[in-house]
Amino acid sequence: RAAEPTALFVDGHPVTVWRRLPEPVRPTEPRDVAALLRLVHELPLPSSFELPPRELLGGVERWLRLAGDVIDPADAAYLRGRRDGFASAAAALTPHLTPGPIHGDALPRNVHVGPDGPVLIDLETFSADLREHDLVVMALSRDRYGLPAEAYDAFTATYGWDVREWDGCAVLRGARETASCAWVAQHAPSNPKALAEFERRVASLRDEDPEVRWYPF
């Protein structure tokens, strides 16, 4: 939480001061994320300012440009095409949940469990959009990143709904996969492991294989 109600100005630059969180008491579990998302998804839209939409695919072009000629130009073109297709498809979705404030990157690494319970951190993608964005994150973790089925089941039980039951889940999942693949590409020029992971991800997308394991980077 902010330690001061307004920003300070130092040499013309705004500076915010935050309270330090205590040391964590245990690792974060998916059910912790779900409990916090329930609270976030009950929030109304703010009346005094406007939250931006979740620009999930907004960084794709920049990440691919940072990758330069280290990645295959055909792979870059393929991801640009996926970006455009999923952006159009996402804009046409009919949500199951009422749109409103979302965290935008609801992963266990963005929840800190201290002595007073779990709190959300890393709020840079906090936005107003489809609530389903927050839930697809964990569904993709189950399918791609090795999250155990029982941990995912605890997440959905705590939240009260499984986003995989929604017709639009595949669209938001595809958009997030596209963004996640492009995000890794930016690290390829300086890290051979990033290039290998990028190529693994692109190949699985081209093969339309939703079960190829991806590794966090």
Protein backbone atom coordinates (compact mmCIF):
# COMPACT_ATOMS: atom_id res chain seq x y z
CA ARG A 1 0.00 0.00 0.00
CA ALA A 2 1.08 3.56 -0.58
CA ALA A 3 2.73 5.11 2.47
CA GLU A 4 1.86 8.63 1.33
CA PRO A 5 -1.51 9.70 -0.10
CA THR A 6 0.05 11.70 -2.93
CA ALA A 7 3.22 11.48 -4.97
CA LEU A 8 6.29 13.45 -3.98
CA PHE A 9 8.14 15.51 -6.58
CA VAL A 10 11.93 15.30 -6.63
CA ASP A 11 13.75 17.31 -9.28
CA GLY A 12 10.53 17.38 -11.31
CA HIS A 13 9.97 13.63 -11.12
CA PRO A 14 6.98 12.04 -9.33
CA VAL A 15 8.07 9.58 -6.63
CA THR A 16 5.74 7.23 -4.75
CA VAL A 17 6.60 5.72 -1.37
CA TRP A 18 5.22 2.30 -0.49
CA ARG A 19 5.03 0.25 2.69
CA ARG A 20 7.34 -2.75 2.69
CA LEU A 21 5.60 -6.11 2.90
CA PRO A 22 6.67 -8.47 5.69
CA GLU A 23 8.47 -11.65 4.77
CA PRO A 24 6.19 -14.36 3.31
CA VAL A 25 5.00 -17.05 5.69
CA ARG A 26 4.47 -19.70 3.00
CA PRO A 27 4.47 -20.14 -0.78
CA THR A 28 1.43 -18.86 -2.63
CA GLU A 29 -1.11 -21.44 -3.76
CA PRO A 30 -3.58 -21.07 -6.65
CA ARG A 31 -6.48 -20.95 -4.20
CA ASP A 32 -4.93 -17.79 -2.70
CA VAL A 33 -5.08 -16.18 -6.12
CA ALA A 34 -8.71 -17.21 -6.55
CA ALA A 35 -9.77 -15.72 -3.21
CA LEU A 36 -8.24 -12.36 -4.13
CA LEU A 37 -9.73 -12.42 -7.63
CA ARG A 38 -13.18 -12.88 -6.14
CA LEU A 39 -12.66 -9.60 -4.27
CA VAL A 40 -11.25 -7.78 -7.29
CA HIS A 41 -14.09 -8.98 -9.49
CA GLU A 42 -16.65 -7.60 -7.04
CA LEU A 43 -15.22 -4.10 -7.39
CA PRO A 44 -17.25 -1.55 -9.38
CA LEU A 45 -15.65 0.63 -12.01
CA PRO A 46 -14.05 3.73 -10.42
CA SER A 47 -16.07 6.92 -10.73
CA SER A 48 -13.24 9.47 -10.53
CA PHE A 49 -10.94 8.06 -13.21
CA GLU A 50 -10.97 5.54 -16.05
CA LEU A 51 -9.06 2.27 -16.03
CA PRO A 52 -7.51 1.28 -19.38
CA PRO A 53 -8.46 -1.96 -21.16
CA ARG A 54 -6.18 -4.97 -20.86
CA GLU A 55 -3.89 -4.66 -23.87
CA LEU A 56 -2.81 -8.29 -23.76
CA LEU A 57 -1.44 -8.29 -27.30
CA GLY A 58 -0.13 -4.74 -27.24
CA GLY A 59 3.50 -5.72 -26.63
CA VAL A 60 3.77 -8.35 -29.36
CA GLU A 61 5.21 -6.02 -32.02
CA ARG A 62 7.79 -4.51 -29.66
CA TRP A 63 8.94 -7.92 -28.40
CA LEU A 64 9.32 -9.28 -31.91
CA ARG A 65 11.29 -6.21 -33.00
CA LEU A 66 13.61 -6.64 -30.01
CA ALA A 67 14.21 -10.22 -31.11
CA GLY A 68 15.46 -8.92 -34.44
CA ASP A 69 16.85 -11.36 -36.96
CA VAL A 70 17.72 -13.93 -34.29
CA ILE A 71 14.30 -15.49 -34.75
CA ASP A 72 12.99 -16.87 -38.03
CA PRO A 73 11.12 -14.09 -39.90
CA ALA A 74 8.44 -16.64 -40.77
CA ASP A 75 7.83 -17.24 -37.06
CA ALA A 76 7.54 -13.52 -36.45
CA ALA A 77 5.04 -13.17 -39.30
CA TYR A 78 3.09 -16.14 -37.97
CA LEU A 79 2.78 -14.55 -34.53
CA ARG A 80 1.72 -11.21 -36.02
CA GLY A 81 -1.03 -13.03 -37.88
CA ARG A 82 -2.15 -14.79 -34.72
CA ARG A 83 -2.12 -11.47 -32.89
CA ASP A 84 -4.39 -9.85 -35.41
CA GLY A 85 -6.75 -12.80 -35.56
CA PHE A 86 -7.13 -13.18 -31.82
CA ALA A 87 -7.47 -9.44 -31.29
CA SER A 88 -10.46 -9.41 -33.64
CA ALA A 89 -11.94 -12.55 -32.11
CA ALA A 90 -11.55 -11.24 -28.55
CA ALA A 91 -13.31 -7.99 -29.45
CA ALA A 92 -16.34 -10.01 -30.55
CA LEU A 93 -16.63 -12.19 -27.43
CA THR A 94 -19.76 -12.32 -25.29
CA PRO A 95 -18.53 -12.52 -21.67
CA HIS A 96 -20.00 -14.84 -19.07
CA LEU A 97 -19.00 -12.52 -16.22
CA THR A 98 -19.76 -8.81 -15.97
CA PRO A 99 -16.72 -6.87 -17.25
CA GLY A 100 -14.94 -4.59 -14.79
CA PRO A 101 -11.70 -4.24 -12.83
CA ILE A 102 -9.18 -7.06 -13.26
CA HIS A 103 -5.62 -7.71 -12.13
CA GLY A 104 -4.46 -8.62 -15.63
CA ASP A 105 -1.65 -11.06 -14.73
CA ALA A 106 -3.15 -13.22 -12.00
CA LEU A 107 -0.38 -15.71 -11.31
CA PRO A 108 0.79 -17.05 -7.92
CA ARG A 109 4.04 -15.10 -8.29
CA ASN A 110 1.95 -11.93 -8.11
CA VAL A 111 0.46 -12.80 -4.73
CA HIS A 112 2.42 -12.39 -1.49
CA VAL A 113 1.27 -14.40 1.54
CA GLY A 114 2.30 -12.55 4.70
CA PRO A 115 1.25 -12.94 8.34
CA ASP A 116 -1.97 -11.04 7.62
CA GLY A 117 -2.87 -13.18 4.63
CA PRO A 118 -2.41 -12.96 0.86
CA VAL A 119 -2.16 -9.62 -0.96
CA LEU A 120 -1.97 -8.81 -4.66
CA ILE A 121 1.25 -7.30 -5.96
CA ASP A 122 2.53 -6.25 -9.40
CA LEU A 123 -0.41 -4.03 -10.33
CA GLU A 124 0.95 -2.61 -13.59
CA THR A 125 -1.62 -4.51 -15.68
CA PHE A 126 -4.60 -3.63 -13.46
CA SER A 127 -7.31 -2.66 -15.92
CA ALA A 128 -11.00 -2.79 -16.82
CA ASP A 129 -11.89 -5.60 -19.19
CA LEU A 130 -13.31 -9.11 -19.36
CA ARG A 131 -13.01 -10.79 -15.96
CA GLU A 132 -12.29 -14.00 -17.83
CA HIS A 133 -8.79 -12.66 -18.62
CA ASP A 134 -7.82 -13.27 -14.98
CA LEU A 135 -9.14 -16.83 -15.00
CA VAL A 136 -7.62 -17.98 -18.29
CA VAL A 137 -4.17 -17.34 -16.81
CA MET A 138 -4.50 -20.27 -14.43
CA ALA A 139 -6.20 -22.51 -16.98
CA LEU A 140 -3.19 -22.00 -19.25
CA SER A 141 -0.86 -22.74 -16.33
CA ARG A 142 -2.61 -26.10 -15.95
CA ASP A 143 -2.41 -26.97 -19.63
CA ARG A 144 1.03 -25.58 -20.54
CA TYR A 145 3.16 -25.01 -17.45
CA GLY A 146 2.59 -28.14 -15.37
CA LEU A 147 0.21 -26.83 -12.71
CA PRO A 148 -1.20 -29.99 -11.04
CA ALA A 149 -4.84 -30.72 -11.77
CA GLU A 150 -5.70 -30.75 -8.06
CA ALA A 151 -4.21 -27.25 -7.63
CA TYR A 152 -6.30 -25.98 -10.54
CA ASP A 153 -9.38 -27.65 -9.09
CA ALA A 154 -8.74 -25.85 -5.78
CA PHE A 155 -8.50 -22.58 -7.73
CA THR A 156 -11.84 -23.07 -9.47
CA ALA A 157 -13.54 -24.32 -6.30
CA THR A 158 -12.40 -21.21 -4.41
CA TYR A 159 -13.39 -18.85 -7.20
CA GLY A 160 -16.67 -20.65 -7.83
CA TRP A 161 -16.45 -21.15 -11.62
CA ASP A 162 -14.22 -22.81 -14.21
CA VAL A 163 -13.52 -20.52 -17.16
CA ARG A 164 -13.04 -23.57 -19.39
CA GLU A 165 -16.83 -23.95 -19.38
CA TRP A 166 -17.10 -20.66 -21.32
CA ASP A 167 -17.22 -20.69 -25.11
CA GLY A 168 -14.73 -17.81 -25.34
CA CYS A 169 -12.02 -19.50 -23.29
CA ALA A 170 -10.11 -20.77 -26.34
CA VAL A 171 -9.93 -17.25 -27.77
CA LEU A 172 -8.46 -15.64 -24.66
CA ARG A 173 -6.17 -18.64 -24.18
CA GLY A 174 -4.92 -18.28 -27.76
CA ALA A 175 -4.33 -14.57 -27.29
CA ARG A 176 -2.35 -15.16 -24.10
CA GLU A 177 -0.30 -17.94 -25.70
CA THR A 178 0.55 -15.60 -28.58
CA ALA A 179 1.65 -12.85 -26.19
CA SER A 180 3.63 -15.27 -24.02
CA CYS A 181 5.45 -16.65 -27.04
CA ALA A 182 6.37 -13.18 -28.32
CA TRP A 183 7.47 -12.10 -24.84
CA VAL A 184 10.11 -14.83 -24.75
CA ALA A 185 11.37 -13.79 -28.20
CA GLN A 186 12.74 -10.48 -26.90
CA HIS A 187 15.28 -12.38 -24.78
CA ALA A 188 16.50 -14.59 -27.65
CA PRO A 189 19.35 -12.32 -28.84
CA SER A 190 21.18 -12.62 -25.54
CA ASN A 191 20.06 -16.02 -24.27
CA PRO A 192 20.16 -19.30 -26.24
CA LYS A 193 17.75 -20.90 -23.76
CA ALA A 194 15.18 -18.22 -24.55
CA LEU A 195 15.57 -18.92 -28.27
CA ALA A 196 15.07 -22.65 -27.68
CA GLU A 197 11.96 -21.97 -25.59
CA PHE A 198 10.62 -19.58 -28.21
CA GLU A 199 11.07 -22.17 -30.94
CA ARG A 200 9.39 -24.84 -28.78
CA ARG A 201 6.39 -22.58 -28.23
CA VAL A 202 6.02 -21.53 -31.85
CA ALA A 203 6.25 -25.14 -33.03
CA SER A 204 3.49 -26.23 -30.64
CA LEU A 205 1.27 -23.40 -31.87
CA ARG A 206 1.90 -24.25 -35.51
CA ASP A 207 1.17 -27.92 -34.79
CA GLU A 208 -2.01 -26.92 -32.91
CA ASP A 209 -0.86 -29.10 -30.03
CA PRO A 210 -2.33 -27.61 -26.80
CA GLU A 211 -0.50 -30.03 -24.51
CA VAL A 212 3.17 -29.41 -25.35
CA ARG A 213 4.83 -28.35 -22.10
CA TRP A 214 6.09 -24.77 -21.95
CA TYR A 215 8.64 -23.73 -19.38
CA PRO A 216 8.56 -20.45 -17.42
CA PHE A 217 11.27 -18.02 -18.41
